[in-house]
Amino acid sequence: MSKFARQNVRKLKPYVPGEQPAPGTKVIKLNTNENPYAPSPAVRATLRSYAGADLRKYPQPHWTTFRQAAARTFKIDPENIFAGNGSDEVLNLIVRAFVEPGEKIAYPVPTYSLYPVLARIQEAQVVEVPFGERFDLPAEGLLASGAKLAFIANPNAPTGTMIEPAAIEAFARRFKGLVVVDEAYVDFAEANCLPLVGRNGNIIVSRTLSKSYSLAGLRFGFAVASKPIVEDLMKIKDSYNCDALAIELATRAVEDQSYMRRNADRIRRQRAWLTNRLTELGFAVMPSQANFVWATRARPAAKAIYQDLKARGILVRYFDQGQLRRGLRITVGLPQENRALIAALREILA
């Protein structure tokens, strides 16, 4: 650590991403919630035919091509859309734009572990409000926090649980600050909060192309919010925060909703299969609305199972912190990958 870092950066515990195996390593990778299917054929065709000479020019500063396509797809105004280098950048810019140092950011826990990192970079205070046993929205605790901004991951990570949009809207109408609904996994769920934006000026919905669109390597995300909020975010973003190729491929992806939906349906079916098999093996599995499941078991310890699976070339996510130490987050993979996981677990548990 350098002597030049700000005091809060010196104290900061960085976000720890899931393990990425070395190139060429043969593993079954079920630890970072990547989509097991290839991106849309339209995306791949565009990538093959992309004119490299165009890269000599700057990209669209306001991602016009993508905004127009997303506006048609989701039936909203292009000016309600803000894009970023992954939804993580979008969340980061939201914190920087709307939260002063010393103000509070609240969220239910356990949840996405990037939120406290973003808060502490901004020198904001963190208020963590525990979920109840059913993982309903702890609205009263969030309201009592006095926070300027509330994050709600919906579906939640790492549990995969879902809060009904009506409950979020009722909370937002009582909350005096901004409510950021992080819908990274929403295309695998039964509902979404996009319609709430037009009725509630303090709701921002964040989306990513990493999960359901199979573009985690592209780094492209977007938010839907009121025009004044988008205008505020425009002031602080990098001049060209999304590259030209990413804008083009993201446009093709969001236009091909039928392909994305087919893959999401396949993943939902495999999610049900995986949940049933894990339950038969003695795991308690949370009802998931995402492309992963959260599974706990009394014995052996989750860390030991994680290590045994890794030794067999199967990666799942283990969080070595607090109450999360009891469980494993398992991405829904291809059918053959899921079968291999269950076979390995049978050997381990035997």
Protein backbone atom coordinates (compact mmCIF):
# COMPACT_ATOMS: atom_id res chain seq x y z
CA MET A 1 0.00 0.00 0.00
CA SER A 2 1.41 3.40 -0.96
CA LYS A 3 1.84 6.31 1.40
CA PHE A 4 -0.17 8.46 -1.02
CA ALA A 5 -3.54 6.71 -0.66
CA ARG A 6 -6.44 8.50 1.00
CA GLN A 7 -7.16 7.35 4.54
CA ASN A 8 -10.40 5.59 3.61
CA VAL A 9 -8.66 3.77 0.74
CA ARG A 10 -5.99 2.53 3.14
CA LYS A 11 -8.69 1.00 5.31
CA LEU A 12 -10.74 -0.32 2.41
CA LYS A 13 -11.34 -4.04 1.97
CA PRO A 14 -11.72 -4.48 -1.80
CA TYR A 15 -14.41 -6.48 -3.51
CA VAL A 16 -13.23 -10.05 -4.11
CA PRO A 17 -14.48 -11.52 -7.42
CA GLY A 18 -15.01 -15.21 -7.97
CA GLU A 19 -12.00 -17.31 -8.89
CA GLN A 20 -11.04 -17.21 -12.57
CA PRO A 21 -8.98 -20.26 -13.58
CA ALA A 22 -5.91 -19.81 -15.75
CA PRO A 23 -6.52 -19.89 -19.52
CA GLY A 24 -6.60 -23.45 -20.79
CA THR A 25 -7.48 -24.94 -17.41
CA LYS A 26 -10.20 -27.57 -17.74
CA VAL A 27 -12.77 -27.04 -15.01
CA ILE A 28 -16.53 -27.01 -14.61
CA LYS A 29 -17.01 -23.37 -13.70
CA LEU A 30 -20.10 -22.83 -11.56
CA ASN A 31 -18.82 -20.02 -9.34
CA THR A 32 -19.43 -16.66 -11.04
CA ASN A 33 -22.97 -16.93 -12.45
CA GLU A 34 -21.90 -16.76 -16.08
CA ASN A 35 -24.39 -17.95 -18.66
CA PRO A 36 -23.45 -21.42 -19.97
CA TYR A 37 -24.79 -20.63 -23.46
CA ALA A 38 -23.10 -18.59 -26.19
CA PRO A 39 -24.23 -15.03 -26.94
CA SER A 40 -26.89 -14.40 -29.59
CA PRO A 41 -26.03 -15.44 -33.16
CA ALA A 42 -26.63 -11.79 -34.08
CA VAL A 43 -23.90 -10.76 -31.64
CA ARG A 44 -21.46 -13.33 -33.01
CA ALA A 45 -22.19 -12.36 -36.62
CA THR A 46 -21.63 -8.68 -35.82
CA LEU A 47 -18.36 -9.51 -34.09
CA ARG A 48 -17.11 -11.45 -37.12
CA SER A 49 -18.02 -8.68 -39.55
CA TYR A 50 -17.03 -5.66 -37.43
CA ALA A 51 -14.92 -3.19 -39.38
CA GLY A 52 -11.76 -2.80 -37.35
CA ALA A 53 -10.94 0.44 -39.11
CA ASP A 54 -13.82 2.06 -37.22
CA LEU A 55 -11.84 1.72 -34.01
CA ARG A 56 -9.70 4.71 -35.03
CA LYS A 57 -12.69 6.94 -34.16
CA TYR A 58 -14.19 7.68 -30.76
CA PRO A 59 -17.37 5.79 -29.85
CA GLN A 60 -20.79 7.32 -29.35
CA PRO A 61 -20.57 9.35 -26.11
CA HIS A 62 -24.23 8.72 -25.28
CA TRP A 63 -24.50 5.17 -26.71
CA THR A 64 -27.23 6.35 -29.10
CA THR A 65 -27.53 3.09 -31.04
CA PHE A 66 -27.96 1.06 -27.86
CA ARG A 67 -30.33 3.56 -26.23
CA GLN A 68 -32.65 3.49 -29.22
CA ALA A 69 -32.67 -0.31 -29.40
CA ALA A 70 -33.23 -0.68 -25.65
CA ALA A 71 -35.96 1.94 -25.74
CA ARG A 72 -37.81 -0.03 -28.43
CA THR A 73 -37.31 -3.29 -26.56
CA PHE A 74 -38.48 -2.07 -23.16
CA LYS A 75 -40.96 0.54 -24.44
CA ILE A 76 -39.37 3.49 -22.69
CA ASP A 77 -37.87 6.81 -23.74
CA PRO A 78 -34.19 6.67 -24.79
CA GLU A 79 -33.50 9.61 -22.49
CA ASN A 80 -34.44 7.42 -19.51
CA ILE A 81 -31.49 5.11 -20.24
CA PHE A 82 -27.94 5.47 -18.93
CA ALA A 83 -25.21 2.99 -19.90
CA GLY A 84 -21.89 2.02 -18.38
CA ASN A 85 -18.90 -0.29 -18.49
CA GLY A 86 -20.80 -3.05 -16.73
CA SER A 87 -23.56 -2.39 -14.22
CA ASP A 88 -20.84 -2.08 -11.55
CA GLU A 89 -19.74 1.18 -13.13
CA VAL A 90 -23.34 2.35 -13.25
CA LEU A 91 -23.75 1.63 -9.52
CA ASN A 92 -20.45 3.38 -8.79
CA LEU A 93 -21.53 6.50 -10.67
CA ILE A 94 -24.89 6.54 -8.88
CA VAL A 95 -23.11 6.59 -5.52
CA ARG A 96 -20.71 9.32 -6.66
CA ALA A 97 -23.48 11.48 -8.10
CA PHE A 98 -26.00 11.33 -5.27
CA VAL A 99 -24.28 10.53 -1.96
CA GLU A 100 -22.17 13.07 -0.10
CA PRO A 101 -19.30 11.91 2.14
CA GLY A 102 -20.78 11.18 5.56
CA GLU A 103 -24.27 10.44 4.26
CA LYS A 104 -25.70 6.94 4.66
CA ILE A 105 -26.17 4.08 2.22
CA ALA A 106 -28.42 1.24 3.40
CA TYR A 107 -29.16 -2.24 2.08
CA PRO A 108 -30.48 -5.57 3.35
CA VAL A 109 -27.91 -8.25 4.17
CA PRO A 110 -26.63 -10.66 3.12
CA THR A 111 -26.36 -9.26 -0.39
CA TYR A 112 -23.93 -8.21 -3.13
CA SER A 113 -20.64 -7.43 -1.42
CA LEU A 114 -19.73 -4.60 -3.81
CA TYR A 115 -22.20 -2.21 -2.14
CA PRO A 116 -20.11 -1.49 0.98
CA VAL A 117 -17.01 -1.04 -1.17
CA LEU A 118 -18.72 1.63 -3.28
CA ALA A 119 -20.01 3.35 -0.15
CA ARG A 120 -16.64 3.46 1.58
CA ILE A 121 -14.82 4.75 -1.49
CA GLN A 122 -17.24 7.69 -1.33
CA GLU A 123 -16.69 7.96 2.45
CA ALA A 124 -20.37 7.29 3.03
CA GLN A 125 -21.68 5.54 6.13
CA VAL A 126 -22.90 1.97 5.66
CA VAL A 127 -26.13 0.76 7.29
CA GLU A 128 -26.70 -2.99 6.93
CA VAL A 129 -30.23 -4.16 7.75
CA PRO A 130 -30.59 -7.93 8.23
CA PHE A 131 -33.12 -9.83 6.16
CA GLY A 132 -35.66 -11.89 8.06
CA GLU A 133 -35.87 -15.67 7.72
CA ARG A 134 -38.12 -15.41 4.64
CA PHE A 135 -35.92 -12.76 2.99
CA ASP A 136 -38.78 -10.28 2.73
CA LEU A 137 -37.84 -6.61 2.35
CA PRO A 138 -36.89 -5.22 5.81
CA ALA A 139 -38.64 -1.95 4.98
CA GLU A 140 -38.92 -0.57 8.50
CA GLY A 141 -35.23 -1.04 9.20
CA LEU A 142 -34.28 0.63 5.93
CA LEU A 143 -36.64 3.53 6.61
CA ALA A 144 -35.22 3.99 10.11
CA SER A 145 -31.67 4.14 8.73
CA GLY A 146 -32.01 7.72 7.53
CA ALA A 147 -30.09 6.75 4.40
CA LYS A 148 -29.73 8.92 1.31
CA LEU A 149 -29.69 5.82 -0.91
CA ALA A 150 -30.86 2.22 -0.57
CA PHE A 151 -29.60 -0.69 -2.65
CA ILE A 152 -31.96 -3.64 -3.22
CA ALA A 153 -30.58 -6.54 -5.24
CA ASN A 154 -33.63 -8.21 -6.75
CA PRO A 155 -33.28 -11.15 -7.21
CA ASN A 156 -30.85 -11.06 -4.34
CA ALA A 157 -27.30 -12.37 -4.44
CA PRO A 158 -26.17 -14.77 -3.11
CA THR A 159 -29.56 -16.19 -2.07
CA GLY A 160 -31.50 -15.85 -5.35
CA THR A 161 -34.60 -14.76 -3.45
CA MET A 162 -37.08 -12.27 -4.92
CA ILE A 163 -39.00 -9.34 -3.42
CA GLU A 164 -42.33 -8.52 -5.05
CA PRO A 165 -42.24 -5.25 -7.03
CA ALA A 166 -45.32 -4.03 -5.12
CA ALA A 167 -43.38 -4.24 -1.86
CA ILE A 168 -40.49 -2.26 -3.33
CA GLU A 169 -42.83 0.40 -4.69
CA ALA A 170 -44.60 0.75 -1.34
CA PHE A 171 -41.21 1.16 0.34
CA ALA A 172 -39.96 3.71 -2.23
CA ARG A 173 -43.01 5.89 -1.68
CA ARG A 174 -42.12 6.12 2.03
CA PHE A 175 -38.36 6.44 1.56
CA LYS A 176 -36.99 9.96 1.23
CA GLY A 177 -33.88 9.04 -0.73
CA LEU A 178 -33.06 7.09 -3.88
CA VAL A 179 -33.94 3.40 -4.23
CA VAL A 180 -31.60 1.51 -6.56
CA VAL A 181 -33.06 -1.84 -7.63
CA ASP A 182 -30.19 -3.98 -8.90
CA GLU A 183 -31.80 -6.37 -11.40
CA ALA A 184 -28.69 -8.20 -12.59
CA TYR A 185 -30.55 -11.55 -12.54
CA VAL A 186 -34.08 -10.40 -13.31
CA ASP A 187 -34.42 -12.17 -16.67
CA PHE A 188 -34.47 -15.49 -14.78
CA ALA A 189 -37.28 -14.24 -12.50
CA GLU A 190 -41.05 -14.01 -12.73
CA ALA A 191 -41.35 -10.24 -12.33
CA ASN A 192 -39.34 -7.01 -12.58
CA CYS A 193 -39.38 -3.43 -11.35
CA LEU A 194 -38.97 -1.59 -14.65
CA PRO A 195 -42.61 -0.34 -14.65
CA LEU A 196 -42.00 1.32 -11.27
CA VAL A 197 -39.60 3.91 -12.70
CA GLY A 198 -42.25 5.87 -14.57
CA ARG A 199 -44.44 6.08 -11.45
CA ASN A 200 -41.71 6.84 -8.89
CA GLY A 201 -39.09 9.51 -9.45
CA ASN A 202 -36.80 8.09 -6.78
CA ILE A 203 -36.42 4.58 -8.25
CA ILE A 204 -33.46 3.59 -10.44
CA VAL A 205 -33.41 0.11 -12.02
CA SER A 206 -29.99 -1.27 -12.90
CA ARG A 207 -29.49 -4.05 -15.47
CA THR A 208 -26.52 -5.93 -16.93
CA LEU A 209 -25.82 -7.86 -20.11
CA SER A 210 -23.43 -10.17 -18.25
CA LYS A 211 -25.93 -12.80 -17.13
CA SER A 212 -28.96 -13.46 -19.32
CA TYR A 213 -27.33 -12.11 -22.50
CA SER A 214 -24.13 -14.19 -22.06
CA LEU A 215 -21.87 -11.13 -22.29
CA ALA A 216 -19.97 -11.08 -19.00
CA GLY A 217 -16.72 -10.59 -20.92
CA LEU A 218 -18.07 -7.53 -22.75
CA ARG A 219 -18.68 -5.37 -19.64
CA PHE A 220 -21.88 -3.51 -20.50
CA GLY A 221 -24.70 -2.48 -18.20
CA PHE A 222 -27.39 0.15 -18.08
CA ALA A 223 -29.84 1.88 -15.77
CA VAL A 224 -33.38 3.12 -16.29
CA ALA A 225 -34.31 6.24 -14.35
CA SER A 226 -36.07 9.58 -14.60
CA LYS A 227 -34.60 12.05 -17.09
CA PRO A 228 -33.28 14.40 -14.35
CA ILE A 229 -31.39 11.50 -12.74
CA VAL A 230 -29.93 10.44 -16.08
CA GLU A 231 -28.87 14.05 -16.72
CA ASP A 232 -27.04 14.09 -13.38
CA LEU A 233 -25.22 10.86 -14.19
CA MET A 234 -24.21 12.20 -17.60
CA LYS A 235 -22.28 15.01 -15.87
CA ILE A 236 -19.85 12.70 -14.09
CA LYS A 237 -19.29 9.80 -16.47
CA ASP A 238 -16.13 9.44 -18.54
CA SER A 239 -16.44 11.16 -21.93
CA TYR A 240 -16.58 7.79 -23.72
CA ASN A 241 -17.24 5.24 -21.00
CA CYS A 242 -18.33 2.42 -23.35
CA ASP A 243 -16.23 1.40 -26.33
CA ALA A 244 -17.58 1.28 -29.88
CA LEU A 245 -17.53 -2.52 -30.18
CA ALA A 246 -19.32 -2.96 -26.84
CA ILE A 247 -22.07 -0.54 -27.91
CA GLU A 248 -22.57 -2.37 -31.19
CA LEU A 249 -22.65 -5.85 -29.63
CA ALA A 250 -24.88 -4.75 -26.73
CA THR A 251 -27.32 -3.33 -29.29
CA ARG A 252 -27.49 -6.61 -31.20
CA ALA A 253 -27.95 -8.55 -27.95
CA VAL A 254 -30.80 -6.47 -26.60
CA GLU A 255 -32.58 -6.64 -29.96
CA ASP A 256 -32.55 -10.46 -29.89
CA GLN A 257 -34.95 -10.98 -27.00
CA SER A 258 -36.26 -14.31 -28.30
CA TYR A 259 -32.80 -15.92 -28.13
CA MET A 260 -32.19 -14.58 -24.62
CA ARG A 261 -35.60 -15.80 -23.44
CA ARG A 262 -35.04 -19.32 -24.80
CA ASN A 263 -31.76 -19.59 -22.90
CA ALA A 264 -33.30 -18.15 -19.74
CA ASP A 265 -36.06 -20.77 -19.95
CA ARG A 266 -33.50 -23.56 -20.31
CA ILE A 267 -31.64 -22.27 -17.27
CA ARG A 268 -34.85 -22.07 -15.23
CA ARG A 269 -35.62 -25.71 -16.04
CA GLN A 270 -32.12 -26.76 -15.03
CA ARG A 271 -32.41 -24.65 -11.88
CA ALA A 272 -35.47 -26.67 -10.84
CA TRP A 273 -33.66 -29.94 -11.62
CA LEU A 274 -30.59 -28.89 -9.66
CA THR A 275 -32.69 -27.75 -6.70
CA ASN A 276 -34.45 -31.12 -6.55
CA ARG A 277 -31.20 -33.11 -6.75
CA LEU A 278 -29.51 -31.02 -4.07
CA THR A 279 -32.53 -31.37 -1.81
CA GLU A 280 -32.37 -35.16 -2.22
CA LEU A 281 -28.76 -34.99 -1.05
CA GLY A 282 -29.76 -33.25 2.16
CA PHE A 283 -29.11 -29.62 1.21
CA ALA A 284 -31.50 -26.85 2.14
CA VAL A 285 -31.94 -24.79 -1.04
CA MET A 286 -33.41 -21.29 -1.08
CA PRO A 287 -36.20 -20.74 -3.66
CA SER A 288 -34.17 -19.04 -6.40
CA GLN A 289 -35.28 -16.61 -9.09
CA ALA A 290 -31.76 -16.23 -10.47
CA ASN A 291 -29.35 -18.37 -12.52
CA PHE A 292 -27.84 -19.86 -9.37
CA VAL A 293 -28.94 -21.53 -6.15
CA TRP A 294 -27.90 -21.04 -2.54
CA ALA A 295 -27.49 -24.38 -0.77
CA THR A 296 -26.67 -25.12 2.88
CA ARG A 297 -26.02 -28.36 4.72
CA ALA A 298 -25.19 -29.06 8.37
CA ARG A 299 -22.33 -31.50 7.65
CA PRO A 300 -19.80 -31.58 6.20
CA ALA A 301 -18.92 -27.88 6.38
CA ALA A 302 -19.54 -25.82 3.23
CA LYS A 303 -15.85 -24.94 3.00
CA ALA A 304 -14.88 -28.62 3.00
CA ILE A 305 -17.39 -29.40 0.24
CA TYR A 306 -16.13 -26.44 -1.79
CA GLN A 307 -12.53 -27.67 -1.44
CA ASP A 308 -13.45 -31.25 -2.34
CA LEU A 309 -15.31 -30.07 -5.44
CA LYS A 310 -12.38 -27.88 -6.46
CA ALA A 311 -10.04 -30.87 -6.14
CA ARG A 312 -12.34 -32.63 -8.63
CA GLY A 313 -12.20 -29.73 -11.08
CA ILE A 314 -15.57 -28.18 -10.17
CA LEU A 315 -15.67 -24.57 -8.99
CA VAL A 316 -18.56 -23.24 -6.89
CA ARG A 317 -18.60 -20.06 -4.79
CA TYR A 318 -17.78 -20.15 -1.09
CA PHE A 319 -17.95 -16.93 0.94
CA ASP A 320 -15.66 -17.00 3.96
CA GLN A 321 -17.62 -14.41 5.92
CA GLY A 322 -20.29 -14.33 8.61
CA GLN A 323 -23.44 -16.36 8.11
CA LEU A 324 -22.50 -17.01 4.48
CA ARG A 325 -19.92 -19.54 5.65
CA ARG A 326 -22.78 -22.03 6.02
CA GLY A 327 -23.58 -22.25 2.32
CA LEU A 328 -22.47 -22.52 -1.28
CA ARG A 329 -23.63 -20.47 -4.24
CA ILE A 330 -23.86 -22.72 -7.27
CA THR A 331 -24.32 -21.38 -10.80
CA VAL A 332 -26.74 -23.30 -13.00
CA GLY A 333 -24.60 -24.74 -15.77
CA LEU A 334 -25.20 -26.90 -18.81
CA PRO A 335 -27.16 -30.13 -18.11
CA GLN A 336 -24.00 -32.23 -18.31
CA GLU A 337 -22.18 -29.86 -15.94
CA ASN A 338 -25.01 -30.01 -13.43
CA ARG A 339 -25.05 -33.81 -13.62
CA ALA A 340 -21.28 -33.91 -13.04
CA LEU A 341 -21.70 -31.66 -9.99
CA ILE A 342 -24.36 -33.92 -8.48
CA ALA A 343 -22.26 -37.04 -9.16
CA ALA A 344 -19.28 -35.44 -7.43
CA LEU A 345 -21.41 -34.41 -4.45
CA ARG A 346 -22.72 -37.96 -4.09
CA GLU A 347 -19.12 -39.19 -3.87
CA ILE A 348 -18.14 -36.50 -1.37
CA LEU A 349 -21.16 -37.04 0.88
CA ALA A 350 -20.76 -40.81 0.80
